[in-house]
Protein backbone atom coordinates (compact mmCIF):
# COMPACT_ATOMS: atom_id res chain seq x y z
CA MET A 1 0.00 0.00 0.00
CA ASP A 2 1.41 3.42 -0.91
CA ARG A 3 1.72 6.21 1.66
CA TRP A 4 -1.32 8.13 0.45
CA SER A 5 -3.53 5.04 0.58
CA ALA A 6 -2.27 4.13 4.05
CA PHE A 7 -2.79 7.66 5.33
CA PHE A 8 -6.24 8.00 3.81
CA GLU A 9 -7.31 4.64 5.26
CA LEU A 10 -6.07 5.80 8.69
CA VAL A 11 -8.06 9.04 8.48
CA GLU A 12 -11.10 7.35 7.00
CA THR A 13 -11.31 4.63 9.68
CA ARG A 14 -10.58 6.75 12.77
CA ARG A 15 -13.61 6.94 15.07
CA SER A 16 -14.26 8.30 18.55
CA ILE A 17 -14.08 5.33 20.90
CA ARG A 18 -15.89 5.40 24.23
CA ARG A 19 -15.61 1.75 25.29
CA PHE A 20 -12.29 0.03 25.80
CA GLU A 21 -11.07 -3.49 26.47
CA ASP A 22 -9.74 -4.13 29.96
CA LYS A 23 -6.17 -4.25 28.65
CA GLU A 24 -3.19 -2.02 29.40
CA VAL A 25 -1.57 -0.03 26.61
CA GLU A 26 2.05 -1.06 26.13
CA GLU A 27 4.84 1.41 27.01
CA GLU A 28 6.26 1.18 23.48
CA LYS A 29 2.96 2.32 22.00
CA ILE A 30 2.67 5.20 24.46
CA THR A 31 6.20 6.28 23.56
CA LYS A 32 5.41 6.17 19.83
CA ILE A 33 2.29 8.27 20.36
CA LEU A 34 4.25 10.84 22.36
CA GLU A 35 6.91 10.89 19.65
CA ALA A 36 4.19 11.75 17.12
CA VAL A 37 3.16 14.68 19.34
CA ARG A 38 6.79 15.78 19.67
CA LEU A 39 7.12 15.92 15.89
CA ALA A 40 4.02 18.08 15.37
CA PRO A 41 4.62 21.48 13.76
CA SER A 42 3.83 24.68 15.68
CA SER A 43 3.91 28.41 15.08
CA SER A 44 7.49 29.70 15.28
CA ASN A 45 8.43 26.16 16.37
CA SER A 46 7.18 27.10 19.86
CA GLN A 47 6.08 23.54 20.74
CA PRO A 48 3.79 24.85 23.52
CA TRP A 49 2.27 21.50 24.50
CA HIS A 50 2.75 19.24 27.45
CA VAL A 51 1.06 15.85 27.71
CA VAL A 52 0.36 14.23 31.06
CA VAL A 53 -0.02 10.46 30.70
CA VAL A 54 -2.48 9.17 33.31
CA ARG A 55 -2.72 5.43 33.97
CA ASP A 56 -3.72 5.44 37.64
CA LYS A 57 -7.30 4.08 37.78
CA GLU A 58 -8.26 6.34 40.69
CA VAL A 59 -7.07 9.45 38.89
CA ILE A 60 -8.82 8.36 35.68
CA SER A 61 -12.01 7.86 37.69
CA ALA A 62 -11.63 11.36 39.15
CA LEU A 63 -10.97 12.81 35.69
CA SER A 64 -14.20 11.17 34.47
CA LYS A 65 -16.09 13.13 37.13
CA ALA A 66 -14.36 16.45 36.46
CA ALA A 67 -17.07 17.95 34.29
CA PRO A 68 -19.07 21.06 35.13
CA ALA A 69 -21.83 20.49 37.69
CA GLY A 70 -24.91 18.87 36.22
CA SER A 71 -23.10 17.42 33.22
CA ARG A 72 -20.86 14.73 34.68
CA PHE A 73 -22.71 12.00 32.78
CA VAL A 74 -21.22 13.45 29.58
CA ILE A 75 -17.72 12.10 30.33
CA SER A 76 -18.43 9.46 33.00
CA TRP A 77 -17.78 6.68 30.46
CA MET A 78 -14.11 7.74 30.49
CA SER A 79 -13.62 5.87 33.80
CA GLY A 80 -13.31 2.66 31.76
CA ALA A 81 -10.27 3.86 29.81
CA PRO A 82 -6.93 2.26 30.65
CA LEU A 83 -5.10 5.49 29.83
CA VAL A 84 -5.89 9.20 29.50
CA PHE A 85 -3.69 11.78 27.83
CA VAL A 86 -4.19 15.26 29.28
CA LEU A 87 -3.16 17.71 26.57
CA ALA A 88 -2.13 21.10 27.92
CA VAL A 89 -0.42 24.17 26.49
CA ARG A 90 1.64 27.00 27.83
CA ARG A 91 1.28 30.33 26.05
CA LYS A 92 4.61 31.52 24.63
CA LEU A 93 5.62 34.99 23.43
CA THR A 94 4.76 34.11 19.83
CA HIS A 95 1.23 33.20 20.93
CA ARG A 96 0.81 36.42 22.90
CA VAL A 97 1.85 38.47 19.87
CA ALA A 98 -0.47 36.46 17.58
CA ARG A 99 -3.34 36.89 20.05
CA ALA A 100 -2.83 40.67 20.05
CA PHE A 101 -3.52 40.55 16.30
CA GLY A 102 -6.58 38.34 16.75
CA HIS A 103 -5.01 35.00 15.86
CA ALA A 104 -5.42 31.83 17.91
CA ASN A 105 -2.13 30.12 17.01
CA LEU A 106 -1.90 28.50 20.44
CA TRP A 107 -5.10 26.53 19.87
CA LEU A 108 -4.10 25.71 16.32
CA ASP A 109 -0.77 24.32 17.61
CA ALA A 110 -2.61 22.30 20.27
CA GLY A 111 -5.04 20.92 17.72
CA ILE A 112 -2.25 19.80 15.42
CA ALA A 113 -0.42 18.07 18.29
CA GLY A 114 -3.64 16.42 19.48
CA GLU A 115 -4.51 15.18 16.03
CA HIS A 116 -1.00 13.73 15.68
CA LEU A 117 -1.72 11.92 18.96
CA VAL A 118 -5.06 10.41 17.92
CA LEU A 119 -3.86 9.41 14.46
CA ALA A 120 -0.74 7.76 15.90
CA ALA A 121 -2.95 5.85 18.34
CA GLN A 122 -5.20 4.75 15.45
CA ALA A 123 -2.16 3.57 13.47
CA LEU A 124 -1.15 1.46 16.49
CA GLY A 125 -4.55 -0.22 16.76
CA LEU A 126 -5.78 1.93 19.63
CA GLY A 127 -8.91 4.01 20.00
CA THR A 128 -9.24 7.56 21.32
CA CYS A 129 -11.84 10.26 21.83
CA TRP A 130 -11.32 14.01 22.08
CA ILE A 131 -12.96 15.43 25.21
CA GLY A 132 -13.32 19.16 25.62
CA TRP A 133 -16.06 19.14 28.25
CA PHE A 134 -14.38 19.40 31.65
CA SER A 135 -13.62 21.66 34.58
CA GLU A 136 -10.13 22.97 33.87
CA ARG A 137 -9.57 23.83 37.53
CA LYS A 138 -10.35 20.24 38.57
CA ILE A 139 -8.20 18.70 35.83
CA ARG A 140 -5.27 21.01 36.63
CA LYS A 141 -5.43 19.98 40.30
CA LEU A 142 -5.76 16.25 39.56
CA VAL A 143 -2.65 16.13 37.36
CA GLY A 144 -0.59 18.87 39.02
CA LEU A 145 -0.49 21.36 36.15
CA THR A 146 0.78 24.85 36.89
CA LYS A 147 -1.45 27.90 36.42
CA ALA A 148 0.71 28.79 33.41
CA HIS A 149 -0.71 25.75 31.59
CA GLU A 150 -4.13 25.61 29.98
CA VAL A 151 -5.89 22.26 29.56
CA VAL A 152 -6.88 21.75 25.94
CA ALA A 153 -8.33 18.25 25.94
CA LEU A 154 -8.61 14.94 27.68
CA ILE A 155 -7.95 12.06 25.31
CA PRO A 156 -8.84 8.62 26.69
CA CYS A 157 -7.01 5.84 24.90
CA GLY A 158 -7.07 2.06 24.80
CA TYR A 159 -7.94 -1.00 22.78
CA PRO A 160 -11.41 -0.45 21.29
CA ALA A 161 -14.27 -2.58 22.62
CA GLU A 162 -16.62 -1.16 19.97
CA GLU A 163 -16.68 -0.44 16.25
CA PRO A 164 -18.79 2.67 15.69
CA GLU A 165 -20.29 3.22 12.26
CA PRO A 166 -19.09 6.21 10.25
CA ARG A 167 -20.96 9.39 11.09
CA PRO A 168 -22.47 11.51 8.33
CA ARG A 169 -20.13 13.98 6.69
CA LYS A 170 -20.89 16.98 4.51
CA SER A 171 -20.18 16.70 0.81
CA LEU A 172 -17.05 18.31 -0.64
CA GLU A 173 -19.19 20.98 -2.27
CA GLU A 174 -20.45 22.03 1.18
CA ILE A 175 -17.00 22.54 2.72
CA PHE A 176 -15.02 24.58 0.21
CA SER A 177 -15.18 27.52 -2.14
CA VAL A 178 -12.95 28.50 -5.04
CA GLU A 179 -11.21 31.90 -4.91
CA ARG A 180 -13.92 33.55 -2.77
CA PHE A 181 -16.41 32.36 -0.20
CA GLY A 182 -19.36 30.87 -2.01
CA GLY A 183 -17.43 30.67 -5.27
CA SER A 184 -17.88 27.52 -7.28
CA GLY A 185 -16.99 26.12 -10.62
CA GLY A 186 -14.80 23.20 -9.68
CA MET A 187 -11.10 22.86 -9.30
CA ASP A 188 -10.19 22.50 -12.99
């Protein structure tokens, strides 16, 4: 299989997984996933991310309850994950300057690093799910992050115990324009 085919298959088959086998994720796989994050590009090569790898069942259980009051059921399923990556960022000078001009480079950098993480996990036969619904204060306390760090996402990871069907996607025509917003006419 050529690189494009392998990559497209990886992207096409990646799903959000919310049920995991009761099986630990091997250290070698965790290291490969973290290496994929390390290699992610970032604005001005700032590499603002820090990933906390959580394997302690009690901490994972606490993380699964760290949602805003009245919405804990939204992430309670996470307690069954054998591993949770806590993706955090620390704003650097380049991000402060970009923010002054209305750009959110910090979040773009975090998104790229996080997507490297979930695609690497998929390539290794693991499942993940992006979680953005949480109490940052609670997460920061549970994993010992400094106030200088902002929590971007919780990403539970493990061997999938489910095979979700593909979710509907918009057509290509609905997601792009040519030359100007709303422009059409094809790419020829």
